[in-house]
Protein backbone atom coordinates (compact mmCIF):
# COMPACT_ATOMS: atom_id res chain seq x y z
CA MET A 1 14.43 -25.20 4.04
CA LYS A 2 14.05 -28.28 1.88
CA TYR A 3 11.07 -29.34 -0.18
CA THR A 4 9.67 -32.08 -2.38
CA VAL A 5 6.91 -31.59 -4.93
CA VAL A 6 4.30 -34.36 -5.09
CA PRO A 7 1.87 -34.25 -8.06
CA VAL A 8 -1.55 -35.48 -6.88
CA THR A 9 -5.10 -36.01 -8.19
CA PRO A 10 -6.10 -36.49 -11.84
CA PHE A 11 -5.28 -32.78 -12.28
CA GLN A 12 -1.61 -33.45 -11.34
CA GLN A 13 -1.68 -30.67 -8.78
CA ASN A 14 1.66 -29.87 -7.15
CA ALA A 15 1.36 -30.59 -3.45
CA THR A 16 4.59 -29.63 -1.69
CA VAL A 17 6.21 -31.05 1.42
CA LEU A 18 8.34 -28.34 3.07
CA TRP A 19 10.58 -29.01 6.04
CA CYS A 20 13.02 -27.41 8.44
CA GLU A 21 16.28 -29.33 8.23
CA GLU A 22 17.21 -28.58 11.83
CA THR A 23 13.98 -29.75 13.49
CA ARG A 24 12.65 -32.20 10.84
CA LEU A 25 9.26 -30.53 11.26
CA ALA A 26 7.24 -30.28 8.06
CA ALA A 27 4.28 -28.62 6.43
CA VAL A 28 2.27 -29.86 3.47
CA THR A 29 0.92 -27.24 1.10
CA ASP A 30 -2.22 -27.99 -0.91
CA PRO A 31 -2.82 -31.70 -0.21
CA GLY A 32 -5.50 -32.13 -2.84
CA GLY A 33 -5.60 -35.92 -2.76
CA ASP A 34 -3.53 -39.10 -3.06
CA LEU A 35 -2.47 -38.88 0.57
CA PRO A 36 -0.39 -42.09 0.48
CA LEU A 37 2.01 -40.36 -1.93
CA ILE A 38 2.40 -37.40 0.42
CA ILE A 39 2.75 -39.55 3.54
CA ARG A 40 5.40 -41.63 1.80
CA VAL A 41 7.58 -38.50 1.53
CA LEU A 42 7.08 -37.71 5.23
CA GLU A 43 8.10 -41.25 6.17
CA ARG A 44 11.03 -41.44 3.76
CA GLU A 45 12.51 -38.19 5.07
CA GLU A 46 11.65 -39.05 8.70
CA LEU A 47 9.62 -35.88 9.14
CA LYS A 48 6.97 -34.90 11.67
CA LEU A 49 4.03 -33.10 10.12
CA GLU A 50 3.44 -29.82 11.96
CA ARG A 51 0.75 -28.07 9.91
CA ILE A 52 -1.13 -27.92 6.62
CA LEU A 53 -0.97 -24.80 4.43
CA VAL A 54 -3.64 -24.04 1.82
CA THR A 55 -3.26 -21.54 -1.03
CA HIS A 56 -6.92 -21.58 -2.11
CA GLY A 57 -10.16 -23.49 -1.91
CA HIS A 58 -10.30 -25.46 -5.16
CA ILE A 59 -10.72 -29.20 -4.74
CA ASP A 60 -7.49 -30.27 -6.47
CA HIS A 61 -5.60 -28.17 -3.91
CA ALA A 62 -7.71 -28.71 -0.79
CA GLY A 63 -9.70 -31.89 -1.31
CA ALA A 64 -7.72 -34.00 1.18
CA VAL A 65 -7.03 -31.27 3.74
CA ALA A 66 -9.66 -32.45 6.21
CA ASP A 67 -8.52 -36.08 6.05
CA LEU A 68 -4.83 -35.24 6.45
CA ALA A 69 -5.54 -32.90 9.37
CA ASP A 70 -7.61 -35.58 11.11
CA GLN A 71 -5.06 -38.31 10.50
CA PHE A 72 -2.14 -36.35 11.96
CA GLY A 73 -3.96 -34.05 14.37
CA VAL A 74 -2.40 -30.89 12.93
CA PRO A 75 -3.76 -27.38 12.34
CA ILE A 76 -4.81 -25.96 8.98
CA GLU A 77 -3.65 -22.48 7.98
CA GLY A 78 -5.00 -20.60 4.96
CA PRO A 79 -6.32 -19.50 2.65
CA GLN A 80 -7.69 -15.97 3.10
CA ILE A 81 -11.31 -15.90 4.27
CA GLU A 82 -12.70 -14.75 0.92
CA ASP A 83 -12.28 -18.37 -0.24
CA LYS A 84 -14.65 -19.67 2.46
CA PHE A 85 -17.42 -20.19 -0.08
CA TRP A 86 -15.17 -22.52 -2.10
CA ILE A 87 -14.24 -24.56 0.97
CA ASP A 88 -17.83 -24.74 2.20
CA GLY A 89 -18.80 -26.03 -1.24
CA MET A 90 -16.19 -28.80 -1.28
CA PRO A 91 -18.81 -31.62 -1.45
CA GLU A 92 -20.41 -29.92 -4.45
CA GLN A 93 -16.99 -29.54 -6.08
CA SER A 94 -16.38 -33.27 -5.61
CA ARG A 95 -19.58 -34.10 -7.49
CA MET A 96 -18.82 -31.57 -10.22
CA PHE A 97 -15.31 -32.87 -10.92
CA GLY A 98 -15.90 -36.56 -10.25
CA PHE A 99 -13.80 -36.76 -7.08
CA PRO A 100 -14.64 -39.19 -4.28
CA ASP A 101 -16.69 -37.65 -1.47
CA VAL A 102 -14.68 -34.71 -0.11
CA ARG A 103 -15.30 -32.96 3.19
CA SER A 104 -15.24 -29.25 3.79
CA PHE A 105 -13.21 -27.87 6.70
CA THR A 106 -12.69 -24.74 8.72
CA PRO A 107 -9.07 -23.55 8.89
CA ASP A 108 -7.63 -23.08 12.35
CA ARG A 109 -6.28 -19.80 11.02
CA TRP A 110 -7.46 -17.72 8.09
CA LEU A 111 -4.47 -15.87 6.66
CA GLU A 112 -4.03 -12.25 5.62
CA HIS A 113 -1.44 -10.44 3.54
CA GLY A 114 1.63 -9.81 5.68
CA ASP A 115 1.09 -12.75 8.03
CA CYS A 116 3.79 -15.32 8.64
CA VAL A 117 3.55 -19.09 8.97
CA THR A 118 6.21 -21.27 10.52
CA VAL A 119 7.70 -24.63 9.67
CA GLY A 120 9.96 -25.68 12.50
CA LYS A 121 12.36 -22.78 12.95
CA GLN A 122 11.69 -21.41 9.47
CA SER A 123 9.20 -18.67 8.62
CA LEU A 124 7.32 -18.01 5.40
CA ASP A 125 5.64 -14.75 4.42
CA VAL A 126 1.99 -14.83 3.41
CA ILE A 127 1.16 -12.90 0.24
CA HIS A 128 -2.50 -12.38 -0.65
CA CYS A 129 -2.77 -12.72 -4.44
CA PRO A 130 -6.45 -12.60 -5.48
CA GLY A 131 -7.62 -13.02 -9.04
CA HIS A 132 -7.82 -16.78 -9.61
CA THR A 133 -9.89 -16.93 -6.45
CA PRO A 134 -10.57 -13.98 -4.14
CA GLY A 135 -8.84 -15.53 -1.13
CA HIS A 136 -5.78 -17.02 -2.83
CA VAL A 137 -2.53 -16.72 -0.87
CA CYS A 138 1.08 -17.53 -1.74
CA PHE A 139 3.89 -18.52 0.62
CA TYR A 140 7.41 -17.11 0.34
CA HIS A 141 10.58 -18.29 2.11
CA SER A 142 13.07 -15.48 1.65
CA PRO A 143 16.27 -17.31 2.74
CA SER A 144 15.64 -20.06 0.16
CA ARG A 145 14.31 -17.66 -2.50
CA LEU A 146 11.36 -20.03 -2.87
CA ALA A 147 7.68 -19.25 -3.41
CA ILE A 148 4.64 -21.52 -3.41
CA VAL A 149 2.20 -19.75 -5.72
CA GLY A 150 -0.71 -22.15 -6.26
CA ASP A 151 -2.72 -21.27 -9.35
CA VAL A 152 -1.65 -17.63 -9.62
CA LEU A 153 1.27 -18.15 -12.00
CA PHE A 154 2.60 -21.00 -14.16
CA GLN A 155 5.53 -21.50 -16.45
CA GLY A 156 4.36 -19.56 -19.50
CA GLY A 157 0.85 -19.01 -18.18
CA ILE A 158 -1.42 -17.70 -15.45
CA GLY A 159 -4.37 -19.03 -13.48
CA ARG A 160 -7.87 -19.15 -14.88
CA THR A 161 -10.15 -16.26 -14.00
CA ASP A 162 -13.48 -17.59 -15.28
CA PHE A 163 -14.46 -19.21 -11.96
CA PRO A 164 -16.85 -17.45 -9.57
CA LYS A 165 -15.25 -14.28 -8.16
CA GLY A 166 -12.23 -14.63 -10.43
CA ASP A 167 -10.92 -11.48 -12.10
CA TYR A 168 -8.25 -11.18 -14.79
CA ASP A 169 -7.11 -7.64 -14.04
CA THR A 170 -6.86 -8.42 -10.33
CA LEU A 171 -4.76 -11.51 -11.06
CA ILE A 172 -2.32 -9.61 -13.29
CA ARG A 173 -2.01 -6.89 -10.64
CA SER A 174 -1.30 -9.54 -7.97
CA ILE A 175 1.50 -11.00 -10.07
CA ARG A 176 3.08 -7.71 -11.08
CA GLU A 177 2.77 -5.92 -7.75
CA ARG A 178 3.19 -8.72 -5.21
CA LEU A 179 5.19 -11.55 -6.79
CA LEU A 180 7.58 -10.15 -9.40
CA PRO A 181 9.05 -7.54 -7.01
CA LEU A 182 10.38 -10.39 -4.85
CA GLY A 183 13.16 -10.77 -7.41
CA ASP A 184 14.03 -12.48 -10.69
CA ASP A 185 15.98 -15.20 -8.89
CA VAL A 186 13.00 -16.46 -6.88
CA VAL A 187 12.07 -20.01 -7.87
CA PHE A 188 8.38 -20.81 -7.63
CA VAL A 189 6.35 -23.98 -7.33
CA PRO A 190 3.16 -23.51 -9.37
CA GLY A 191 -0.06 -25.36 -8.76
CA HIS A 192 0.50 -27.44 -11.89
CA GLY A 193 3.40 -28.14 -14.20
CA PRO A 194 7.13 -27.46 -13.97
CA LEU A 195 8.89 -25.03 -11.66
CA SER A 196 10.15 -21.72 -13.00
CA ASP A 197 11.48 -18.42 -11.67
CA PHE A 198 10.07 -14.92 -11.69
CA GLY A 199 12.78 -13.59 -13.98
CA GLU A 200 11.97 -16.15 -16.65
CA GLU A 201 8.28 -15.33 -16.45
CA ARG A 202 8.82 -11.57 -16.40
CA ARG A 203 10.81 -11.86 -19.62
CA TYR A 204 8.91 -14.51 -21.55
CA ASN A 205 5.45 -15.14 -20.09
CA PRO A 206 3.11 -13.54 -22.68
CA PHE A 207 0.58 -12.58 -20.01
CA ILE A 208 2.93 -10.57 -17.82
CA SER A 209 6.14 -9.84 -19.74
CA GLN A 210 7.32 -6.30 -19.04
């Protein structure tokens, strides 16, 4: 599986275009905004968008989901249903953070821990990692040793837990019990900032070093 990271919105959120090299079918994870930048990658790589994947319901990750789904006629998968209140409140989030009017949406499929999502002939595991938000999910492609972790984990940091229904202890448990066991060599795309790997964070991240 190949991928390109596309920073979008004033928050420089890492949207990711993932694609199956054999079929040229693609998924976009967390299209928070700036759709022309994301579509440019699809066109440059001659990809056909197959689905949209959402890690959680914050506006910088999900603000353009409804528009992208309408434009391409593709299904939306994720997050876990506990983030429904965030998605339903998308218009309020847009006013709060100064975004243009943003529409809420209903995923075609709410995801649960242990589910799989497909991109062409490739399959990604769904890992429920609450703490930043209660319905946050991550996506893991084992053959590529690649994880899309949203705002759970960053290089040298972790996601905020001061939002409604956030919880610090739950977030740390999600990281230690559901992400780090995947292996030190797993590279992850965080919701913001540079890529890292779980080994680097296990050793040096002050929040989770063991």
